[in-house]
PDB file of all heavy atoms in Angstrom:
ATOM      1  N   LYS A   1       0.866  -1.183  -0.004  1.00  0.00           N
ATOM      2  CA  LYS A   1      -0.001   0.004  -0.003  1.00  0.00           C
ATOM      3  C   LYS A   1       0.901   1.227   0.005  1.00  0.00           C
ATOM      4  O   LYS A   1       1.647   1.454   0.953  1.00  0.00           O
ATOM      5  CB  LYS A   1      -0.908  -0.010   1.226  1.00  0.00           C
ATOM      6  CG  LYS A   1      -1.930  -1.142   1.203  1.00  0.00           C
ATOM      7  CD  LYS A   1      -2.861  -1.094   2.415  1.00  0.00           C
ATOM      8  CE  LYS A   1      -3.882  -2.218   2.350  1.00  0.00           C
ATOM      9  NZ  LYS A   1      -4.794  -2.193   3.521  1.00  0.00           N
ATOM     10  N   PHE A   2       0.835   1.989  -1.090  1.00  0.00           N
ATOM     11  CA  PHE A   2       1.771   3.096  -1.302  1.00  0.00           C
ATOM     12  C   PHE A   2       1.016   4.416  -1.318  1.00  0.00           C
ATOM     13  O   PHE A   2       0.170   4.664  -2.161  1.00  0.00           O
ATOM     14  CB  PHE A   2       2.513   2.898  -2.635  1.00  0.00           C
ATOM     15  CG  PHE A   2       3.643   3.842  -2.864  1.00  0.00           C
ATOM     16  CD1 PHE A   2       4.919   3.547  -2.429  1.00  0.00           C
ATOM     17  CD2 PHE A   2       3.426   5.039  -3.534  1.00  0.00           C
ATOM     18  CE1 PHE A   2       5.970   4.435  -2.649  1.00  0.00           C
ATOM     19  CE2 PHE A   2       4.471   5.927  -3.756  1.00  0.00           C
ATOM     20  CZ  PHE A   2       5.744   5.632  -3.305  1.00  0.00           C
ATOM     21  N   ASP A   3       1.338   5.265  -0.358  1.00  0.00           N
ATOM     22  CA  ASP A   3       0.724   6.598  -0.244  1.00  0.00           C
ATOM     23  C   ASP A   3       1.834   7.574   0.140  1.00  0.00           C
ATOM     24  O   ASP A   3       2.046   7.865   1.317  1.00  0.00           O
ATOM     25  CB  ASP A   3      -0.390   6.578   0.807  1.00  0.00           C
ATOM     26  CG  ASP A   3      -1.048   7.935   0.992  1.00  0.00           C
ATOM     27  OD1 ASP A   3      -0.785   8.837   0.179  1.00  0.00           O
ATOM     28  OD2 ASP A   3      -1.814   8.100   1.961  1.00  0.00           O
ATOM     29  N   ALA A   4       2.572   8.032  -0.857  1.00  0.00           N
ATOM     30  CA  ALA A   4       3.743   8.875  -0.591  1.00  0.00           C
ATOM     31  C   ALA A   4       3.872   9.947  -1.651  1.00  0.00           C
ATOM     32  O   ALA A   4       3.468   9.763  -2.804  1.00  0.00           O
ATOM     33  CB  ALA A   4       5.023   8.023  -0.558  1.00  0.00           C
ATOM     34  N   ALA A   5       4.460  11.068  -1.267  1.00  0.00           N
ATOM     35  CA  ALA A   5       4.728  12.158  -2.207  1.00  0.00           C
ATOM     36  C   ALA A   5       6.035  11.849  -2.940  1.00  0.00           C
ATOM     37  O   ALA A   5       7.082  11.665  -2.309  1.00  0.00           O
ATOM     38  CB  ALA A   5       4.849  13.470  -1.451  1.00  0.00           C
ATOM     39  N   VAL A   6       5.952  11.766  -4.259  1.00  0.00           N
ATOM     40  CA  VAL A   6       7.139  11.414  -5.048  1.00  0.00           C
ATOM     41  C   VAL A   6       7.768  12.613  -5.729  1.00  0.00           C
ATOM     42  O   VAL A   6       8.826  12.493  -6.354  1.00  0.00           O
ATOM     43  CB  VAL A   6       6.790  10.325  -6.086  1.00  0.00           C
ATOM     44  CG1 VAL A   6       6.244   9.085  -5.387  1.00  0.00           C
ATOM     45  CG2 VAL A   6       5.798  10.840  -7.105  1.00  0.00           C
ATOM     46  N   HIS A   7       7.132  13.773  -5.633  1.00  0.00           N
ATOM     47  CA  HIS A   7       7.698  15.021  -6.132  1.00  0.00           C
ATOM     48  C   HIS A   7       7.784  16.008  -4.971  1.00  0.00           C
ATOM     49  O   HIS A   7       7.220  15.774  -3.892  1.00  0.00           O
ATOM     50  CB  HIS A   7       6.817  15.621  -7.239  1.00  0.00           C
ATOM     51  CG  HIS A   7       6.545  14.676  -8.370  1.00  0.00           C
ATOM     52  ND1 HIS A   7       7.542  14.189  -9.194  1.00  0.00           N
ATOM     53  CD2 HIS A   7       5.378  14.119  -8.812  1.00  0.00           C
ATOM     54  CE1 HIS A   7       7.004  13.388 -10.101  1.00  0.00           C
ATOM     55  NE2 HIS A   7       5.695  13.325  -9.880  1.00  0.00           N
ATOM     56  N   ARG A   8       8.482  17.092  -5.183  1.00  0.00           N
ATOM     57  CA  ARG A   8       8.573  18.145  -4.163  1.00  0.00           C
ATOM     58  C   ARG A   8       7.965  19.431  -4.716  1.00  0.00           C
ATOM     59  O   ARG A   8       7.887  19.616  -5.922  1.00  0.00           O
ATOM     60  CB  ARG A   8      10.033  18.380  -3.757  1.00  0.00           C
ATOM     61  CG  ARG A   8      10.640  17.230  -2.975  1.00  0.00           C
ATOM     62  CD  ARG A   8      12.097  17.495  -2.652  1.00  0.00           C
ATOM     63  NE  ARG A   8      12.688  16.385  -1.914  1.00  0.00           N
ATOM     64  CZ  ARG A   8      13.983  16.180  -1.782  1.00  0.00           C
ATOM     65  NH1 ARG A   8      14.847  17.019  -2.360  1.00  0.00           N
ATOM     66  NH2 ARG A   8      14.441  15.159  -1.084  1.00  0.00           N
ATOM     67  N   ARG A   9       7.575  20.284  -3.809  1.00  0.00           N
ATOM     68  CA  ARG A   9       7.001  21.564  -4.222  1.00  0.00           C
ATOM     69  C   ARG A   9       7.649  22.709  -3.459  1.00  0.00           C
ATOM     70  O   ARG A   9       7.909  22.596  -2.261  1.00  0.00           O
ATOM     71  CB  ARG A   9       5.497  21.575  -4.001  1.00  0.00           C
ATOM     72  CG  ARG A   9       4.744  20.649  -4.953  1.00  0.00           C
ATOM     73  CD  ARG A   9       3.255  20.895  -4.973  1.00  0.00           C
ATOM     74  NE  ARG A   9       2.597  20.094  -5.989  1.00  0.00           N
ATOM     75  CZ  ARG A   9       2.473  20.443  -7.259  1.00  0.00           C
ATOM     76  NH1 ARG A   9       2.967  21.620  -7.661  1.00  0.00           N
ATOM     77  NH2 ARG A   9       1.863  19.662  -8.124  1.00  0.00           N
ATOM     78  N   ALA A  10       7.925  23.767  -4.198  1.00  0.00           N
ATOM     79  CA  ALA A  10       8.385  25.020  -3.612  1.00  0.00           C
ATOM     80  C   ALA A  10       7.353  26.072  -4.001  1.00  0.00           C
ATOM     81  O   ALA A  10       7.374  26.574  -5.113  1.00  0.00           O
ATOM     82  CB  ALA A  10       9.772  25.382  -4.126  1.00  0.00           C
ATOM     83  N   GLY A  11       6.454  26.331  -3.074  1.00  0.00           N
ATOM     84  CA  GLY A  11       5.336  27.192  -3.426  1.00  0.00           C
ATOM     85  C   GLY A  11       4.453  26.490  -4.439  1.00  0.00           C
ATOM     86  O   GLY A  11       3.997  25.374  -4.215  1.00  0.00           O
ATOM     87  N   ARG A  12       4.261  27.119  -5.586  1.00  0.00           N
ATOM     88  CA  ARG A  12       3.455  26.506  -6.641  1.00  0.00           C
ATOM     89  C   ARG A  12       4.293  25.753  -7.661  1.00  0.00           C
ATOM     90  O   ARG A  12       3.762  25.200  -8.617  1.00  0.00           O
ATOM     91  CB  ARG A  12       2.637  27.590  -7.352  1.00  0.00           C
ATOM     92  CG  ARG A  12       1.612  28.283  -6.455  1.00  0.00           C
ATOM     93  CD  ARG A  12       0.798  29.283  -7.244  1.00  0.00           C
ATOM     94  NE  ARG A  12      -0.203  29.940  -6.411  1.00  0.00           N
ATOM     95  CZ  ARG A  12      -1.059  30.863  -6.854  1.00  0.00           C
ATOM     96  NH1 ARG A  12      -0.988  31.248  -8.136  1.00  0.00           N
ATOM     97  NH2 ARG A  12      -1.945  31.408  -6.043  1.00  0.00           N
ATOM     98  N   THR A  13       5.595  25.751  -7.456  1.00  0.00           N
ATOM     99  CA  THR A  13       6.486  25.113  -8.421  1.00  0.00           C
ATOM    100  C   THR A  13       6.747  23.661  -8.031  1.00  0.00           C
ATOM    101  O   THR A  13       7.141  23.378  -6.899  1.00  0.00           O
ATOM    102  CB  THR A  13       7.831  25.860  -8.503  1.00  0.00           C
ATOM    103  OG1 THR A  13       7.595  27.226  -8.867  1.00  0.00           O
ATOM    104  CG2 THR A  13       8.744  25.204  -9.524  1.00  0.00           C
ATOM    105  N   LYS A  14       6.525  22.755  -8.972  1.00  0.00           N
ATOM    106  CA  LYS A  14       6.785  21.341  -8.716  1.00  0.00           C
ATOM    107  C   LYS A  14       8.213  20.981  -9.100  1.00  0.00           C
ATOM    108  O   LYS A  14       8.687  21.327 -10.166  1.00  0.00           O
ATOM    109  CB  LYS A  14       5.808  20.455  -9.500  1.00  0.00           C
ATOM    110  CG  LYS A  14       6.011  18.969  -9.230  1.00  0.00           C
ATOM    111  CD  LYS A  14       4.897  18.117  -9.827  1.00  0.00           C
ATOM    112  CE  LYS A  14       5.073  17.949 -11.312  1.00  0.00           C
ATOM    113  NZ  LYS A  14       4.076  16.974 -11.866  1.00  0.00           N
ATOM    114  N   MET A  15       8.904  20.300  -8.201  1.00  0.00           N
ATOM    115  CA  MET A  15      10.236  19.786  -8.479  1.00  0.00           C
ATOM    116  C   MET A  15      10.091  18.300  -8.794  1.00  0.00           C
ATOM    117  O   MET A  15       9.881  17.491  -7.881  1.00  0.00           O
ATOM    118  CB  MET A  15      11.153  20.002  -7.277  1.00  0.00           C
ATOM    119  CG  MET A  15      11.314  21.461  -6.862  1.00  0.00           C
ATOM    120  SD  MET A  15      12.240  21.646  -5.313  1.00  0.00           S
ATOM    121  CE  MET A  15      13.787  20.866  -5.749  1.00  0.00           C
ATOM    122  N   PRO A  16      10.180  17.914 -10.073  1.00  0.00           N
ATOM    123  CA  PRO A  16       9.954  16.503 -10.436  1.00  0.00           C
ATOM    124  C   PRO A  16      10.987  15.577  -9.801  1.00  0.00           C
ATOM    125  O   PRO A  16      12.186  15.878  -9.759  1.00  0.00           O
ATOM    126  CB  PRO A  16      10.092  16.517 -11.963  1.00  0.00           C
ATOM    127  CG  PRO A  16       9.877  17.939 -12.358  1.00  0.00           C
ATOM    128  CD  PRO A  16      10.445  18.751 -11.241  1.00  0.00           C
ATOM    129  N   GLY A  17      10.505  14.475  -9.311  1.00  0.00           N
ATOM    130  CA  GLY A  17      11.387  13.450  -8.749  1.00  0.00           C
ATOM    131  C   GLY A  17      10.953  12.079  -9.257  1.00  0.00           C
ATOM    132  O   GLY A  17      11.451  11.575 -10.232  1.00  0.00           O
ATOM    133  N   GLY A  18       9.960  11.535  -8.583  1.00  0.00           N
ATOM    134  CA  GLY A  18       9.405  10.257  -9.019  1.00  0.00           C
ATOM    135  C   GLY A  18       9.924   9.091  -8.204  1.00  0.00           C
ATOM    136  O   GLY A  18      10.959   9.177  -7.543  1.00  0.00           O
ATOM    137  N   VAL A  19       9.168   7.992  -8.272  1.00  0.00           N
ATOM    138  CA  VAL A  19       9.583   6.745  -7.651  1.00  0.00           C
ATOM    139  C   VAL A  19       9.876   5.752  -8.765  1.00  0.00           C
ATOM    140  O   VAL A  19       9.285   5.820  -9.852  1.00  0.00           O
ATOM    141  CB  VAL A  19       8.477   6.217  -6.694  1.00  0.00           C
ATOM    142  CG1 VAL A  19       7.208   5.846  -7.463  1.00  0.00           C
ATOM    143  CG2 VAL A  19       8.970   5.053  -5.859  1.00  0.00           C
ATOM    144  N   HIS A  20      10.820   4.835  -8.521  1.00  0.00           N
ATOM    145  CA  HIS A  20      11.264   3.906  -9.546  1.00  0.00           C
ATOM    146  C   HIS A  20      11.124   2.478  -9.048  1.00  0.00           C
ATOM    147  O   HIS A  20      11.772   2.087  -8.069  1.00  0.00           O
ATOM    148  CB  HIS A  20      12.737   4.172  -9.907  1.00  0.00           C
ATOM    149  CG  HIS A  20      12.996   5.548 -10.433  1.00  0.00           C
ATOM    150  ND1 HIS A  20      13.224   5.810 -11.767  1.00  0.00           N
ATOM    151  CD2 HIS A  20      13.045   6.741  -9.817  1.00  0.00           C
ATOM    152  CE1 HIS A  20      13.412   7.120 -11.946  1.00  0.00           C
ATOM    153  NE2 HIS A  20      13.308   7.691 -10.765  1.00  0.00           N
ATOM    154  N   PHE A  21      10.283   1.703  -9.724  1.00  0.00           N
ATOM    155  CA  PHE A  21      10.149   0.277  -9.469  1.00  0.00           C
ATOM    156  C   PHE A  21      10.669  -0.470 -10.690  1.00  0.00           C
ATOM    157  O   PHE A  21      10.161  -0.273 -11.795  1.00  0.00           O
ATOM    158  CB  PHE A  21       8.691  -0.108  -9.238  1.00  0.00           C
ATOM    159  CG  PHE A  21       8.077   0.408  -7.955  1.00  0.00           C
ATOM    160  CD1 PHE A  21       7.452   1.647  -7.940  1.00  0.00           C
ATOM    161  CD2 PHE A  21       8.126  -0.340  -6.793  1.00  0.00           C
ATOM    162  CE1 PHE A  21       6.864   2.133  -6.765  1.00  0.00           C
ATOM    163  CE2 PHE A  21       7.550   0.135  -5.617  1.00  0.00           C
ATOM    164  CZ  PHE A  21       6.924   1.369  -5.603  1.00  0.00           C
ATOM    165  N   THR A  22      11.668  -1.306 -10.521  1.00  0.00           N
ATOM    166  CA  THR A  22      12.198  -2.080 -11.649  1.00  0.00           C
ATOM    167  C   THR A  22      12.328  -3.549 -11.235  1.00  0.00           C
ATOM    168  O   THR A  22      12.877  -3.869 -10.195  1.00  0.00           O
ATOM    169  CB  THR A  22      13.574  -1.553 -12.091  1.00  0.00           C
ATOM    170  OG1 THR A  22      14.480  -1.552 -10.983  1.00  0.00           O
ATOM    171  CG2 THR A  22      13.472  -0.144 -12.645  1.00  0.00           C
ATOM    172  N   GLY A  23      11.777  -4.411 -12.073  1.00  0.00           N
ATOM    173  CA  GLY A  23      11.901  -5.849 -11.832  1.00  0.00           C
ATOM    174  C   GLY A  23      11.243  -6.318 -10.552  1.00  0.00           C
ATOM    175  O   GLY A  23      11.712  -7.285  -9.931  1.00  0.00           O
ATOM    176  N   CYS A  24      10.146  -5.665 -10.141  1.00  0.00           N
ATOM    177  CA  CYS A  24       9.499  -5.989  -8.869  1.00  0.00           C
ATOM    178  C   CYS A  24       8.227  -6.810  -9.066  1.00  0.00           C
ATOM    179  O   CYS A  24       7.532  -6.670 -10.071  1.00  0.00           O
ATOM    180  CB  CYS A  24       9.139  -4.708  -8.108  1.00  0.00           C
ATOM    181  SG  CYS A  24      10.569  -3.743  -7.582  1.00  0.00           S
ATOM    182  N   ARG A  25       7.930  -7.656  -8.095  1.00  0.00           N
ATOM    183  CA  ARG A  25       6.658  -8.375  -8.046  1.00  0.00           C
ATOM    184  C   ARG A  25       5.694  -7.533  -7.225  1.00  0.00           C
ATOM    185  O   ARG A  25       5.894  -7.337  -6.034  1.00  0.00           O
ATOM    186  CB  ARG A  25       6.848  -9.749  -7.402  1.00  0.00           C
ATOM    187  CG  ARG A  25       7.759 -10.681  -8.187  1.00  0.00           C
ATOM    188  CD  ARG A  25       8.010 -11.963  -7.412  1.00  0.00           C
ATOM    189  NE  ARG A  25       6.747 -12.634  -7.098  1.00  0.00           N
ATOM    190  CZ  ARG A  25       6.613 -13.505  -6.087  1.00  0.00           C
ATOM    191  NH1 ARG A  25       7.637 -13.752  -5.281  1.00  0.00           N
ATOM    192  NH2 ARG A  25       5.444 -14.090  -5.872  1.00  0.00           N
ATOM    193  N   MET A  26       4.612  -7.047  -7.865  1.00  0.00           N
ATOM    194  CA  MET A  26       3.748  -6.067  -7.225  1.00  0.00           C
ATOM    195  C   MET A  26       2.258  -6.395  -7.381  1.00  0.00           C
ATOM    196  O   MET A  26       1.412  -5.529  -7.389  1.00  0.00           O
ATOM    197  CB  MET A  26       4.041  -4.678  -7.804  1.00  0.00           C
ATOM    198  CG  MET A  26       5.475  -4.252  -7.642  1.00  0.00           C
ATOM    199  SD  MET A  26       5.854  -2.694  -8.459  1.00  0.00           S
ATOM    200  CE  MET A  26       4.850  -1.566  -7.494  1.00  0.00           C
ATOM    201  N   GLN A  27       1.955  -7.685  -7.469  1.00  0.00           N
ATOM    202  CA  GLN A  27       0.551  -8.065  -7.607  1.00  0.00           C
ATOM    203  C   GLN A  27      -0.252  -7.539  -6.411  1.00  0.00           C
ATOM    204  O   GLN A  27       0.201  -7.563  -5.268  1.00  0.00           O
ATOM    205  CB  GLN A  27       0.403  -9.591  -7.670  1.00  0.00           C
ATOM    206  CG  GLN A  27       1.135 -10.252  -8.832  1.00  0.00           C
ATOM    207  CD  GLN A  27       2.481 -10.798  -8.438  1.00  0.00           C
ATOM    208  OE1 GLN A  27       3.292 -10.117  -7.832  1.00  0.00           O
ATOM    209  NE2 GLN A  27       2.725 -12.059  -8.797  1.00  0.00           N
ATOM    210  N   PHE A  28      -1.443  -7.055  -6.725  1.00  0.00           N
ATOM    211  CA  PHE A  28      -2.403  -6.577  -5.717  1.00  0.00           C
ATOM    212  C   PHE A  28      -1.894  -5.363  -4.926  1.00  0.00           C
ATOM    213  O   PHE A  28      -2.415  -5.050  -3.859  1.00  0.00           O
ATOM    214  CB  PHE A  28      -2.786  -7.706  -4.732  1.00  0.00           C
ATOM    215  CG  PHE A  28      -3.442  -8.872  -5.405  1.00  0.00           C
ATOM    216  CD1 PHE A  28      -2.707 -10.030  -5.698  1.00  0.00           C
ATOM    217  CD2 PHE A  28      -4.782  -8.830  -5.759  1.00  0.00           C
ATOM    218  CE1 PHE A  28      -3.305 -11.108  -6.325  1.00  0.00           C
ATOM    219  CE2 PHE A  28      -5.386  -9.912  -6.402  1.00  0.00           C
ATOM    220  CZ  PHE A  28      -4.647 -11.055  -6.679  1.00  0.00           C
ATOM    221  N   SER A  29      -0.901  -4.682  -5.421  1.00  0.00           N
ATOM    222  CA  SER A  29      -0.447  -3.449  -4.771  1.00  0.00           C
ATOM    223  C   SER A  29      -1.474  -2.340  -4.999  1.00  0.00           C
ATOM    224  O   SER A  29      -2.228  -2.354  -5.981  1.00  0.00           O
ATOM    225  CB  SER A  29       0.922  -3.024  -5.282  1.00  0.00           C
ATOM    226  OG  SER A  29       0.907  -2.874  -6.689  1.00  0.00           O
ATOM    227  N   ILE A  30      -1.506  -1.383  -4.086  1.00  0.00           N
ATOM    228  CA  ILE A  30      -2.490  -0.295  -4.134  1.00  0.00           C
ATOM    229  C   ILE A  30      -1.760   1.046  -4.057  1.00  0.00           C
ATOM    230  O   ILE A  30      -1.020   1.284  -3.093  1.00  0.00           O
ATOM    231  CB  ILE A  30      -3.507  -0.406  -2.983  1.00  0.00           C
ATOM    232  CG1 ILE A  30      -4.269  -1.739  -3.067  1.00  0.00           C
ATOM    233  CG2 ILE A  30      -4.491   0.759  -3.023  1.00  0.00           C
ATOM    234  CD1 ILE A  30      -5.171  -1.994  -1.868  1.00  0.00           C
ATOM    235  N   PHE A  31      -1.966   1.882  -5.052  1.00  0.00           N
ATOM    236  CA  PHE A  31      -1.358   3.211  -5.064  1.00  0.00           C
ATOM    237  C   PHE A  31      -2.456   4.246  -4.812  1.00  0.00           C
ATOM    238  O   PHE A  31      -3.422   4.328  -5.547  1.00  0.00           O
ATOM    239  CB  PHE A  31      -0.652   3.473  -6.394  1.00  0.00           C
ATOM    240  CG  PHE A  31       0.653   2.736  -6.521  1.00  0.00           C
ATOM    241  CD1 PHE A  31       0.664   1.379  -6.826  1.00  0.00           C
ATOM    242  CD2 PHE A  31       1.848   3.379  -6.309  1.00  0.00           C
ATOM    243  CE1 PHE A  31       1.862   0.678  -6.924  1.00  0.00           C
ATOM    244  CE2 PHE A  31       3.061   2.688  -6.387  1.00  0.00           C
ATOM    245  CZ  PHE A  31       3.060   1.334  -6.693  1.00  0.00           C
ATOM    246  N   ALA A  32      -2.275   5.028  -3.768  1.00  0.00           N
ATOM    247  CA  ALA A  32      -3.251   6.062  -3.452  1.00  0.00           C
ATOM    248  C   ALA A  32      -3.338   7.047  -4.610  1.00  0.00           C
ATOM    249  O   ALA A  32      -2.328   7.344  -5.266  1.00  0.00           O
ATOM    250  CB  ALA A  32      -2.859   6.783  -2.166  1.00  0.00           C
ATOM    251  N   PRO A  33      -4.523   7.595  -4.899  1.00  0.00           N
ATOM    252  CA  PRO A  33      -4.639   8.585  -5.965  1.00  0.00           C
ATOM    253  C   PRO A  33      -3.716   9.783  -5.711  1.00  0.00           C
ATOM    254  O   PRO A  33      -3.834  10.453  -4.698  1.00  0.00           O
ATOM    255  CB  PRO A  33      -6.123   8.992  -5.888  1.00  0.00           C
ATOM    256  CG  PRO A  33      -6.804   7.837  -5.247  1.00  0.00           C
ATOM    257  CD  PRO A  33      -5.812   7.294  -4.261  1.00  0.00           C
ATOM    258  N   ALA A  34      -2.775  10.004  -6.604  1.00  0.00           N
ATOM    259  CA  ALA A  34      -1.772  11.058  -6.403  1.00  0.00           C
ATOM    260  C   ALA A  34      -1.071  11.325  -7.721  1.00  0.00           C
ATOM    261  O   ALA A  34      -1.392  10.748  -8.763  1.00  0.00           O
ATOM    262  CB  ALA A  34      -0.772  10.648  -5.326  1.00  0.00           C
ATOM    263  N   ASP A  35      -0.081  12.206  -7.692  1.00  0.00           N
ATOM    264  CA  ASP A  35       0.673  12.597  -8.878  1.00  0.00           C
ATOM    265  C   ASP A  35       1.899  11.698  -9.029  1.00  0.00           C
ATOM    266  O   ASP A  35       2.870  11.832  -8.290  1.00  0.00           O
ATOM    267  CB  ASP A  35       1.100  14.059  -8.740  1.00  0.00           C
ATOM    268  CG  ASP A  35       1.830  14.565  -9.976  1.00  0.00           C
ATOM    269  OD1 ASP A  35       1.952  13.810 -10.960  1.00  0.00           O
ATOM    270  OD2 ASP A  35       2.288  15.733  -9.951  1.00  0.00           O
ATOM    271  N   TYR A  36       1.838  10.781  -9.979  1.00  0.00           N
ATOM    272  CA  TYR A  36       2.959   9.886 -10.274  1.00  0.00           C
ATOM    273  C   TYR A  36       3.545  10.172 -11.654  1.00  0.00           C
ATOM    274  O   TYR A  36       4.049   9.286 -12.322  1.00  0.00           O
ATOM    275  CB  TYR A  36       2.502   8.427 -10.195  1.00  0.00           C
ATOM    276  CG  TYR A  36       1.910   8.029  -8.869  1.00  0.00           C
ATOM    277  CD1 TYR A  36       0.529   7.909  -8.694  1.00  0.00           C
ATOM    278  CD2 TYR A  36       2.741   7.777  -7.771  1.00  0.00           C
ATOM    279  CE1 TYR A  36      -0.014   7.562  -7.466  1.00  0.00           C
ATOM    280  CE2 TYR A  36       2.203   7.418  -6.538  1.00  0.00           C
ATOM    281  CZ  TYR A  36       0.828   7.314  -6.389  1.00  0.00           C
ATOM    282  OH  TYR A  36       0.290   6.957  -5.171  1.00  0.00           O
ATOM    283  N   GLU A  37       3.481  11.428 -12.065  1.00  0.00           N
ATOM    284  CA  GLU A  37       3.987  11.796 -13.392  1.00  0.00           C
ATOM    285  C   GLU A  37       5.439  11.368 -13.557  1.00  0.00           C
ATOM    286  O   GLU A  37       6.292  11.616 -12.689  1.00  0.00           O
ATOM    287  CB  GLU A  37       3.861  13.295 -13.610  1.00  0.00           C
ATOM    288  CG  GLU A  37       4.313  13.741 -14.991  1.00  0.00           C
ATOM    289  CD  GLU A  37       4.089  15.216 -15.240  1.00  0.00           C
ATOM    290  OE1 GLU A  37       3.534  15.910 -14.353  1.00  0.00           O
ATOM    291  OE2 GLU A  37       4.468  15.686 -16.334  1.00  0.00           O
ATOM    292  N   ALA A  38       5.719  10.735 -14.690  1.00  0.00           N
ATOM    293  CA  ALA A  38       7.074  10.313 -15.082  1.00  0.00           C
ATOM    294  C   ALA A  38       7.690   9.294 -14.134  1.00  0.00           C
ATOM    295  O   ALA A  38       8.916   9.107 -14.120  1.00  0.00           O
ATOM    296  CB  ALA A  38       7.997  11.530 -15.226  1.00  0.00           C
ATOM    297  N   CYS A  39       6.887   8.612 -13.331  1.00  0.00           N
ATOM    298  CA  CYS A  39       7.413   7.542 -12.490  1.00  0.00           C
ATOM    299  C   CYS A  39       7.688   6.299 -13.328  1.00  0.00           C
ATOM    300  O   CYS A  39       7.215   6.163 -14.458  1.00  0.00           O
ATOM    301  CB  CYS A  39       6.431   7.223 -11.356  1.00  0.00           C
ATOM    302  SG  CYS A  39       6.340   8.513 -10.080  1.00  0.00           S
ATOM    303  N   VAL A  40       8.459   5.373 -12.765  1.00  0.00           N
ATOM    304  CA  VAL A  40       8.915   4.201 -13.506  1.00  0.00           C
ATOM    305  C   VAL A  40       8.384   2.931 -12.854  1.00  0.00           C
ATOM    306  O   VAL A  40       8.575   2.712 -11.655  1.00  0.00           O
ATOM    307  CB  VAL A  40      10.452   4.163 -13.573  1.00  0.00           C
ATOM    308  CG1 VAL A  40      10.937   2.862 -14.188  1.00  0.00           C
ATOM    309  CG2 VAL A  40      10.975   5.358 -14.360  1.00  0.00           C
ATOM    310  N   PHE A  41       7.737   2.099 -13.657  1.00  0.00           N
ATOM    311  CA  PHE A  41       7.259   0.777 -13.246  1.00  0.00           C
ATOM    312  C   PHE A  41       7.663  -0.191 -14.358  1.00  0.00           C
ATOM    313  O   PHE A  41       6.822  -0.659 -15.117  1.00  0.00           O
ATOM    314  CB  PHE A  41       5.734   0.774 -13.080  1.00  0.00           C
ATOM    315  CG  PHE A  41       5.201   1.818 -12.132  1.00  0.00           C
ATOM    316  CD1 PHE A  41       4.901   3.097 -12.592  1.00  0.00           C
ATOM    317  CD2 PHE A  41       4.985   1.535 -10.788  1.00  0.00           C
ATOM    318  CE1 PHE A  41       4.391   4.067 -11.738  1.00  0.00           C
ATOM    319  CE2 PHE A  41       4.488   2.496  -9.926  1.00  0.00           C
ATOM    320  CZ  PHE A  41       4.184   3.766 -10.400  1.00  0.00           C
ATOM    321  N   GLU A  42       8.923  -0.487 -14.463  1.00  0.00           N
ATOM    322  CA  GLU A  42       9.426  -1.244 -15.603  1.00  0.00           C
ATOM    323  C   GLU A  42       9.778  -2.684 -15.233  1.00  0.00           C
ATOM    324  O   GLU A  42      10.336  -2.945 -14.169  1.00  0.00           O
ATOM    325  CB  GLU A  42      10.648  -0.552 -16.186  1.00  0.00           C
ATOM    326  CG  GLU A  42      10.330   0.822 -16.812  1.00  0.00           C
ATOM    327  CD  GLU A  42      11.510   1.493 -17.459  1.00  0.00           C
ATOM    328  OE1 GLU A  42      12.657   1.064 -17.209  1.00  0.00           O
ATOM    329  OE2 GLU A  42      11.280   2.455 -18.216  1.00  0.00           O
ATOM    330  N   SER A  43       9.407  -3.594 -16.150  1.00  0.00           N
ATOM    331  CA  SER A  43       9.679  -5.035 -15.974  1.00  0.00           C
ATOM    332  C   SER A  43       9.120  -5.555 -14.658  1.00  0.00           C
ATOM    333  O   SER A  43       9.731  -6.381 -13.976  1.00  0.00           O
ATOM    334  CB  SER A  43      11.188  -5.306 -16.057  1.00  0.00           C
ATOM    335  OG  SER A  43      11.708  -4.880 -17.305  1.00  0.00           O
TER     336      SER A  43
END
């Protein structure tokens, strides 16, 4: 169950970061509704 901020903000400016999952087993995982722009879920 993942509910975390993956970007940072300075006022109204977003500092892109993202979370990276590679080669992971993630069946039945739950991601809270949030901003995951440009995040990685590969293989």
